[in-house]
Amino acid sequence: MSQTVQDAVREATGGDVELSEGVPQGFPTDAVPLVDGSIRGATQTQGSTTHWVVLVSGDVSADDAEQRLSDAGFAVDDEVSTAELGSVVNLSSDEYDVTVVAASDSLLYTVTPRG
């Protein structure tokens, strides 16, 4: 895992998270579509709130991720992109807040229920 992705995982979860193969248990796959690729994920619970972290590696595209989420009803709240580091986009729907961090060959999704 690249340093940028490790930093993003730490920032999103407040610490180190052990990613396991596949989509994490309880992940809202019907509401939060993921791009195709090699998937690893983790679930973290803070108080009564569950957060999911999903890393998709391979031939992945930040534009594809953003389009799939937009098609699922998410609106872009904020977007930052740099040539060296990749991009970060924050999206939201009525049910979830999603942040997608894109590096050269991976996308890191952090998903938090709203409310």
N, C-alpha and C. Protein backbone atom coordinates (compact mmCIF):
# COMPACT_ATOMS: atom_id res chain seq x y z
N MET A 1 0.86 -1.16 0.00
CA MET A 1 0.00 0.00 0.00
C MET A 1 0.91 1.22 0.00
N SER A 2 0.63 2.20 -0.87
CA SER A 2 1.48 3.38 -0.94
C SER A 2 1.30 4.25 0.30
N GLN A 3 2.30 5.10 0.54
CA GLN A 3 2.25 5.98 1.71
C GLN A 3 1.03 6.89 1.67
N THR A 4 0.67 7.40 0.48
CA THR A 4 -0.50 8.26 0.35
C THR A 4 -1.76 7.54 0.80
N VAL A 5 -1.92 6.30 0.38
CA VAL A 5 -3.11 5.53 0.76
C VAL A 5 -3.08 5.22 2.25
N GLN A 6 -1.91 4.85 2.79
CA GLN A 6 -1.81 4.60 4.23
C GLN A 6 -2.19 5.84 5.02
N ASP A 7 -1.71 7.00 4.59
CA ASP A 7 -2.05 8.25 5.27
C ASP A 7 -3.55 8.51 5.20
N ALA A 8 -4.15 8.24 4.05
CA ALA A 8 -5.59 8.45 3.89
C ALA A 8 -6.39 7.52 4.79
N VAL A 9 -5.95 6.26 4.92
CA VAL A 9 -6.63 5.31 5.82
C VAL A 9 -6.54 5.81 7.25
N ARG A 10 -5.35 6.22 7.67
CA ARG A 10 -5.18 6.72 9.04
C ARG A 10 -6.06 7.94 9.30
N GLU A 11 -6.09 8.87 8.34
CA GLU A 11 -6.89 10.08 8.52
C GLU A 11 -8.38 9.76 8.57
N ALA A 12 -8.81 8.84 7.73
CA ALA A 12 -10.24 8.50 7.66
C ALA A 12 -10.71 7.75 8.89
N THR A 13 -9.82 6.96 9.48
CA THR A 13 -10.25 6.08 10.58
C THR A 13 -9.69 6.47 11.93
N GLY A 14 -8.75 7.40 11.95
CA GLY A 14 -8.15 7.79 13.22
C GLY A 14 -7.08 6.83 13.69
N GLY A 15 -6.61 5.93 12.84
CA GLY A 15 -5.56 5.00 13.24
C GLY A 15 -5.33 3.95 12.18
N ASP A 16 -4.52 2.96 12.51
CA ASP A 16 -4.24 1.87 11.58
C ASP A 16 -5.43 0.93 11.51
N VAL A 17 -5.73 0.48 10.31
CA VAL A 17 -6.82 -0.46 10.08
C VAL A 17 -6.26 -1.63 9.30
N GLU A 18 -6.63 -2.83 9.69
CA GLU A 18 -6.18 -4.03 8.99
C GLU A 18 -7.20 -4.35 7.90
N LEU A 19 -6.78 -4.23 6.64
CA LEU A 19 -7.66 -4.51 5.52
C LEU A 19 -7.67 -6.00 5.23
N SER A 20 -8.87 -6.56 4.99
CA SER A 20 -8.99 -7.97 4.63
C SER A 20 -9.52 -8.06 3.20
N GLU A 21 -9.39 -9.24 2.61
CA GLU A 21 -9.83 -9.43 1.22
C GLU A 21 -11.34 -9.25 1.10
N GLY A 22 -11.76 -8.58 0.04
CA GLY A 22 -13.17 -8.43 -0.27
C GLY A 22 -13.82 -7.22 0.38
N VAL A 23 -15.08 -7.05 0.06
CA VAL A 23 -15.88 -5.95 0.60
C VAL A 23 -16.14 -6.25 2.08
N PRO A 24 -15.98 -5.25 2.96
CA PRO A 24 -16.18 -5.51 4.38
C PRO A 24 -17.63 -5.83 4.73
N GLN A 25 -17.80 -6.57 5.81
CA GLN A 25 -19.13 -6.95 6.27
C GLN A 25 -19.98 -5.71 6.53
N GLY A 26 -21.21 -5.75 6.04
CA GLY A 26 -22.15 -4.66 6.26
C GLY A 26 -22.02 -3.50 5.30
N PHE A 27 -21.04 -3.54 4.38
CA PHE A 27 -20.85 -2.44 3.44
C PHE A 27 -22.10 -2.29 2.58
N PRO A 28 -22.58 -1.04 2.40
CA PRO A 28 -23.82 -0.81 1.65
C PRO A 28 -23.61 -0.87 0.13
N THR A 29 -23.39 -2.08 -0.40
CA THR A 29 -23.07 -2.23 -1.82
C THR A 29 -24.19 -1.75 -2.74
N ASP A 30 -25.43 -1.85 -2.31
CA ASP A 30 -26.54 -1.39 -3.15
C ASP A 30 -26.57 0.13 -3.27
N ALA A 31 -26.12 0.83 -2.24
CA ALA A 31 -26.18 2.29 -2.23
C ALA A 31 -24.87 2.95 -2.66
N VAL A 32 -23.75 2.25 -2.48
CA VAL A 32 -22.43 2.83 -2.77
C VAL A 32 -21.72 1.92 -3.77
N PRO A 33 -21.88 2.19 -5.08
CA PRO A 33 -21.24 1.34 -6.08
C PRO A 33 -19.73 1.54 -6.12
N LEU A 34 -19.00 0.44 -6.27
CA LEU A 34 -17.54 0.47 -6.36
C LEU A 34 -17.11 0.18 -7.79
N VAL A 35 -15.94 0.66 -8.17
CA VAL A 35 -15.37 0.30 -9.47
C VAL A 35 -14.85 -1.14 -9.39
N ASP A 36 -14.64 -1.75 -10.54
CA ASP A 36 -14.11 -3.11 -10.59
C ASP A 36 -12.61 -3.10 -10.30
N GLY A 37 -12.14 -4.12 -9.63
CA GLY A 37 -10.73 -4.26 -9.31
C GLY A 37 -10.54 -5.21 -8.15
N SER A 38 -9.31 -5.30 -7.69
CA SER A 38 -8.99 -6.11 -6.51
C SER A 38 -9.43 -5.33 -5.27
N ILE A 39 -10.30 -5.92 -4.46
CA ILE A 39 -10.93 -5.20 -3.34
C ILE A 39 -10.46 -5.75 -2.00
N ARG A 40 -10.09 -4.82 -1.14
CA ARG A 40 -9.78 -5.12 0.27
C ARG A 40 -10.54 -4.10 1.10
N GLY A 41 -10.99 -4.49 2.28
CA GLY A 41 -11.77 -3.55 3.07
C GLY A 41 -11.71 -3.81 4.55
N ALA A 42 -12.26 -2.87 5.29
CA ALA A 42 -12.32 -2.97 6.75
C ALA A 42 -13.53 -2.20 7.24
N THR A 43 -14.00 -2.60 8.41
CA THR A 43 -15.10 -1.93 9.08
C THR A 43 -14.58 -1.41 10.41
N GLN A 44 -14.98 -0.19 10.76
CA GLN A 44 -14.60 0.37 12.05
C GLN A 44 -15.85 0.97 12.68
N THR A 45 -16.03 0.69 13.96
CA THR A 45 -17.16 1.24 14.69
C THR A 45 -16.64 2.20 15.75
N GLN A 46 -17.18 3.41 15.73
CA GLN A 46 -16.86 4.42 16.74
C GLN A 46 -18.17 4.80 17.40
N GLY A 47 -18.33 4.41 18.66
CA GLY A 47 -19.60 4.64 19.33
C GLY A 47 -20.67 3.82 18.64
N SER A 48 -21.73 4.47 18.19
CA SER A 48 -22.80 3.77 17.50
C SER A 48 -22.71 3.92 15.98
N THR A 49 -21.62 4.53 15.49
CA THR A 49 -21.47 4.78 14.06
C THR A 49 -20.46 3.80 13.45
N THR A 50 -20.85 3.20 12.33
CA THR A 50 -19.97 2.30 11.59
C THR A 50 -19.40 3.03 10.39
N HIS A 51 -18.10 2.87 10.17
CA HIS A 51 -17.41 3.43 9.01
C HIS A 51 -16.82 2.27 8.23
N TRP A 52 -16.81 2.40 6.91
CA TRP A 52 -16.19 1.38 6.07
C TRP A 52 -15.06 2.01 5.28
N VAL A 53 -13.99 1.24 5.10
CA VAL A 53 -12.87 1.64 4.27
C VAL A 53 -12.69 0.54 3.24
N VAL A 54 -12.64 0.92 1.96
CA VAL A 54 -12.47 -0.05 0.88
C VAL A 54 -11.37 0.44 -0.04
N LEU A 55 -10.40 -0.43 -0.31
CA LEU A 55 -9.31 -0.13 -1.23
C LEU A 55 -9.51 -0.98 -2.48
N VAL A 56 -9.63 -0.31 -3.63
CA VAL A 56 -9.77 -1.01 -4.91
C VAL A 56 -8.50 -0.75 -5.71
N SER A 57 -7.81 -1.83 -6.07
CA SER A 57 -6.54 -1.72 -6.81
C SER A 57 -6.69 -2.31 -8.20
N GLY A 58 -5.83 -1.85 -9.10
CA GLY A 58 -5.82 -2.36 -10.46
C GLY A 58 -5.93 -1.22 -11.45
N ASP A 59 -6.54 -1.50 -12.58
CA ASP A 59 -6.75 -0.49 -13.62
C ASP A 59 -8.02 0.29 -13.26
N VAL A 60 -7.87 1.22 -12.30
CA VAL A 60 -9.02 1.95 -11.76
C VAL A 60 -8.95 3.42 -12.14
N SER A 61 -10.10 4.07 -12.15
CA SER A 61 -10.18 5.46 -12.56
C SER A 61 -11.02 6.25 -11.56
N ALA A 62 -10.48 7.38 -11.12
CA ALA A 62 -11.23 8.27 -10.22
C ALA A 62 -12.47 8.80 -10.92
N ASP A 63 -12.36 9.08 -12.22
CA ASP A 63 -13.52 9.57 -12.96
C ASP A 63 -14.62 8.53 -13.01
N ASP A 64 -14.25 7.26 -13.18
CA ASP A 64 -15.23 6.17 -13.19
C ASP A 64 -15.92 6.06 -11.83
N ALA A 65 -15.13 6.14 -10.76
CA ALA A 65 -15.69 6.06 -9.41
C ALA A 65 -16.68 7.20 -9.18
N GLU A 66 -16.28 8.41 -9.55
CA GLU A 66 -17.15 9.57 -9.37
C GLU A 66 -18.43 9.43 -10.19
N GLN A 67 -18.31 8.95 -11.43
CA GLN A 67 -19.49 8.78 -12.29
C GLN A 67 -20.45 7.74 -11.72
N ARG A 68 -19.93 6.62 -11.24
CA ARG A 68 -20.80 5.58 -10.67
C ARG A 68 -21.54 6.11 -9.44
N LEU A 69 -20.84 6.86 -8.61
CA LEU A 69 -21.48 7.42 -7.41
C LEU A 69 -22.51 8.48 -7.80
N SER A 70 -22.19 9.32 -8.78
CA SER A 70 -23.15 10.33 -9.25
C SER A 70 -24.40 9.66 -9.81
N ASP A 71 -24.20 8.59 -10.60
CA ASP A 71 -25.34 7.86 -11.16
C ASP A 71 -26.20 7.23 -10.07
N ALA A 72 -25.61 6.96 -8.91
CA ALA A 72 -26.34 6.36 -7.79
C ALA A 72 -26.98 7.41 -6.89
N GLY A 73 -26.90 8.69 -7.29
CA GLY A 73 -27.58 9.74 -6.54
C GLY A 73 -26.69 10.57 -5.64
N PHE A 74 -25.38 10.38 -5.71
CA PHE A 74 -24.46 11.18 -4.90
C PHE A 74 -24.17 12.50 -5.59
N ALA A 75 -23.97 13.54 -4.78
CA ALA A 75 -23.58 14.85 -5.29
C ALA A 75 -22.15 15.14 -4.83
N VAL A 76 -21.37 15.75 -5.72
CA VAL A 76 -19.99 16.12 -5.38
C VAL A 76 -20.03 17.35 -4.48
N ASP A 77 -19.42 17.23 -3.30
CA ASP A 77 -19.36 18.34 -2.36
C ASP A 77 -18.05 19.12 -2.49
N ASP A 78 -16.97 18.40 -2.82
CA ASP A 78 -15.65 19.02 -2.89
C ASP A 78 -14.73 18.10 -3.68
N GLU A 79 -13.80 18.71 -4.44
CA GLU A 79 -12.88 17.91 -5.23
C GLU A 79 -11.55 18.63 -5.35
N VAL A 80 -10.45 17.88 -5.13
CA VAL A 80 -9.10 18.42 -5.24
C VAL A 80 -8.28 17.43 -6.04
N SER A 81 -7.46 17.94 -6.96
CA SER A 81 -6.64 17.06 -7.78
C SER A 81 -5.26 17.67 -7.99
N THR A 82 -4.22 16.83 -7.88
CA THR A 82 -2.86 17.26 -8.19
C THR A 82 -2.19 16.19 -9.03
N ALA A 83 -1.30 16.61 -9.90
CA ALA A 83 -0.63 15.67 -10.80
C ALA A 83 0.23 14.67 -10.02
N GLU A 84 0.89 15.13 -8.95
CA GLU A 84 1.80 14.25 -8.21
C GLU A 84 1.09 13.27 -7.30
N LEU A 85 0.05 13.71 -6.62
CA LEU A 85 -0.55 12.89 -5.57
C LEU A 85 -1.85 12.20 -5.96
N GLY A 86 -2.52 12.66 -7.00
CA GLY A 86 -3.79 12.08 -7.36
C GLY A 86 -4.93 13.03 -7.04
N SER A 87 -6.06 12.48 -6.60
CA SER A 87 -7.21 13.34 -6.34
C SER A 87 -7.98 12.86 -5.11
N VAL A 88 -8.76 13.79 -4.58
CA VAL A 88 -9.67 13.49 -3.47
C VAL A 88 -11.00 14.11 -3.83
N VAL A 89 -12.07 13.33 -3.73
CA VAL A 89 -13.41 13.86 -3.98
C VAL A 89 -14.32 13.44 -2.83
N ASN A 90 -15.08 14.40 -2.33
CA ASN A 90 -16.08 14.15 -1.28
C ASN A 90 -17.45 14.21 -1.92
N LEU A 91 -18.25 13.19 -1.67
CA LEU A 91 -19.60 13.12 -2.21
C LEU A 91 -20.57 12.78 -1.09
N SER A 92 -21.84 13.12 -1.31
CA SER A 92 -22.85 12.78 -0.31
C SER A 92 -24.18 12.44 -0.97
N SER A 93 -24.93 11.62 -0.28
CA SER A 93 -26.31 11.30 -0.65
C SER A 93 -27.15 11.53 0.59
N ASP A 94 -28.41 11.20 0.53
CA ASP A 94 -29.25 11.34 1.71
C ASP A 94 -28.82 10.38 2.82
N GLU A 95 -28.17 9.26 2.45
CA GLU A 95 -27.82 8.23 3.42
C GLU A 95 -26.35 8.18 3.82
N TYR A 96 -25.43 8.56 2.90
CA TYR A 96 -24.00 8.34 3.15
C TYR A 96 -23.14 9.52 2.70
N ASP A 97 -22.01 9.68 3.40
CA ASP A 97 -20.92 10.54 2.97
C ASP A 97 -19.81 9.62 2.49
N VAL A 98 -19.25 9.93 1.32
CA VAL A 98 -18.19 9.11 0.74
C VAL A 98 -17.03 10.00 0.35
N THR A 99 -15.82 9.57 0.70
CA THR A 99 -14.60 10.22 0.22
C THR A 99 -13.84 9.20 -0.60
N VAL A 100 -13.42 9.61 -1.80
CA VAL A 100 -12.63 8.74 -2.66
C VAL A 100 -11.27 9.40 -2.86
N VAL A 101 -10.22 8.69 -2.45
CA VAL A 101 -8.84 9.16 -2.63
C VAL A 101 -8.24 8.31 -3.74
N ALA A 102 -7.79 8.97 -4.81
CA ALA A 102 -7.23 8.25 -5.96
C ALA A 102 -5.73 8.43 -6.02
N ALA A 103 -5.02 7.31 -6.13
CA ALA A 103 -3.59 7.30 -6.39
C ALA A 103 -3.39 6.66 -7.76
N SER A 104 -2.17 6.41 -8.16
CA SER A 104 -1.90 5.95 -9.52
C SER A 104 -2.59 4.64 -9.88
N ASP A 105 -2.66 3.69 -8.96
CA ASP A 105 -3.25 2.40 -9.29
C ASP A 105 -4.24 1.91 -8.25
N SER A 106 -4.81 2.85 -7.49
CA SER A 106 -5.77 2.44 -6.47
C SER A 106 -6.73 3.57 -6.12
N LEU A 107 -7.86 3.17 -5.59
CA LEU A 107 -8.86 4.10 -5.07
C LEU A 107 -9.19 3.68 -3.65
N LEU A 108 -9.23 4.63 -2.75
CA LEU A 108 -9.60 4.37 -1.37
C LEU A 108 -10.93 5.06 -1.10
N TYR A 109 -11.94 4.26 -0.77
CA TYR A 109 -13.26 4.79 -0.41
C TYR A 109 -13.37 4.78 1.11
N THR A 110 -13.85 5.87 1.68
CA THR A 110 -14.29 5.86 3.08
C THR A 110 -15.76 6.23 3.07
N VAL A 111 -16.55 5.44 3.75
CA VAL A 111 -18.01 5.58 3.72
C VAL A 111 -18.52 5.68 5.15
N THR A 112 -19.33 6.72 5.38
CA THR A 112 -19.91 6.95 6.70
C THR A 112 -21.40 7.23 6.55
N PRO A 113 -22.24 6.58 7.34
CA PRO A 113 -23.67 6.90 7.30
C PRO A 113 -23.91 8.34 7.75
N ARG A 114 -24.89 8.98 7.16
CA ARG A 114 -25.26 10.34 7.57
C ARG A 114 -26.26 10.27 8.71
N GLY A 115 -26.26 11.32 9.48
CA GLY A 115 -27.29 11.41 10.51
C GLY A 115 -26.87 11.15 11.86
